[in-house]
Amino acid sequence: METLQKNSLFWDTVRIDPQKNGKFVIERILTYGDEEDFRWASDFYGAEKIKNVLSLSRTLDKKSLSFWRQYFNVEKTKCIPMP
């Protein structure tokens, strides 16, 4: 199934523009996506864009943030602190 059409990722949206809503799409994939979704995001956005969203995100849960920081080797100080 096409990543952008998965109800498990985008249950609260009707249509998503991956260009305009890139940060939202990446955050959802990093939180709820599977390996296929992550591959799609990597191909579509590239690692640098994903790392940038990771650093600026205020919506990723602590567990996801910790995992993806390790995956991309992003220092904790480069990310916005969680409340």
Protein backbone atom coordinates (compact mmCIF):
# COMPACT_ATOMS: atom_id res chain seq x y z
CA MET A 1 0.00 0.00 0.00
CA GLU A 2 1.18 3.51 -0.77
CA THR A 3 2.60 5.12 2.36
CA LEU A 4 0.55 8.31 2.05
CA GLN A 5 -2.69 6.32 1.89
CA LYS A 6 -2.19 4.26 5.05
CA ASN A 7 -4.90 4.77 7.64
CA SER A 8 -2.47 3.64 10.33
CA LEU A 9 -0.37 6.74 9.60
CA PHE A 10 -2.88 9.35 8.49
CA TRP A 11 -6.14 8.43 10.17
CA ASP A 12 -7.09 12.07 10.69
CA THR A 13 -6.46 13.44 7.20
CA VAL A 14 -8.18 13.15 3.83
CA ARG A 15 -5.46 14.36 1.49
CA ILE A 16 -1.82 15.03 2.13
CA ASP A 17 0.55 17.03 -0.02
CA PRO A 18 3.97 15.47 0.68
CA GLN A 19 5.73 18.68 -0.39
CA LYS A 20 3.67 21.14 1.67
CA ASN A 21 3.22 18.81 4.63
CA GLY A 22 6.68 17.24 4.67
CA LYS A 23 7.37 17.82 8.37
CA PHE A 24 4.01 16.32 9.32
CA VAL A 25 4.51 13.29 7.05
CA ILE A 26 8.02 12.63 8.35
CA GLU A 27 6.93 12.94 11.99
CA ARG A 28 4.10 10.46 11.45
CA ILE A 29 6.40 8.00 9.69
CA LEU A 30 9.07 8.27 12.40
CA THR A 31 6.44 7.68 15.08
CA TYR A 32 4.04 5.16 13.54
CA GLY A 33 5.60 3.95 10.29
CA ASP A 34 7.14 0.64 9.38
CA GLU A 35 10.29 -0.16 7.44
CA GLU A 36 8.58 0.31 4.07
CA ASP A 37 7.30 3.75 5.12
CA PHE A 38 10.75 4.78 6.29
CA ARG A 39 12.29 3.67 2.99
CA TRP A 40 9.69 5.71 1.13
CA ALA A 41 10.45 8.80 3.26
CA SER A 42 14.20 8.33 2.80
CA ASP A 43 13.81 8.10 -0.97
CA PHE A 44 11.35 11.00 -1.18
CA TYR A 45 12.87 13.45 1.33
CA GLY A 46 16.45 12.28 1.85
CA ALA A 47 18.35 11.76 5.09
CA GLU A 48 19.21 15.43 5.63
CA LYS A 49 15.56 16.56 5.54
CA ILE A 50 14.59 13.75 7.92
CA LYS A 51 17.41 14.68 10.30
CA ASN A 52 16.33 18.32 10.17
CA VAL A 53 12.74 17.40 11.08
CA LEU A 54 14.06 15.13 13.84
CA SER A 55 16.04 18.02 15.31
CA LEU A 56 13.10 20.46 15.19
CA SER A 57 10.19 18.19 16.07
CA ARG A 58 8.08 18.91 19.11
CA THR A 59 5.65 16.04 18.50
CA LEU A 60 7.86 12.93 18.45
CA ASP A 61 7.50 10.86 21.58
CA LYS A 62 10.62 10.28 23.70
CA LYS A 63 11.04 6.66 22.61
CA SER A 64 10.87 7.49 18.88
CA LEU A 65 13.10 10.52 19.31
CA SER A 66 15.71 8.46 21.15
CA PHE A 67 15.66 5.70 18.53
CA TRP A 68 15.95 8.00 15.53
CA ARG A 69 18.66 10.10 17.18
CA GLN A 70 20.71 6.93 17.54
CA TYR A 71 19.90 5.80 14.00
CA PHE A 72 20.97 9.10 12.45
CA ASN A 73 23.73 9.75 15.00
CA VAL A 74 22.24 13.10 16.04
CA GLU A 75 23.44 14.49 19.34
CA LYS A 76 20.84 15.14 21.99
CA THR A 77 21.88 18.78 22.20
CA LYS A 78 21.00 19.24 18.50
CA CYS A 79 17.32 18.41 19.20
CA ILE A 80 14.63 20.53 20.81
CA PRO A 81 14.24 19.29 24.39
CA MET A 82 11.05 17.42 25.21
CA PRO A 83 8.79 19.03 27.87
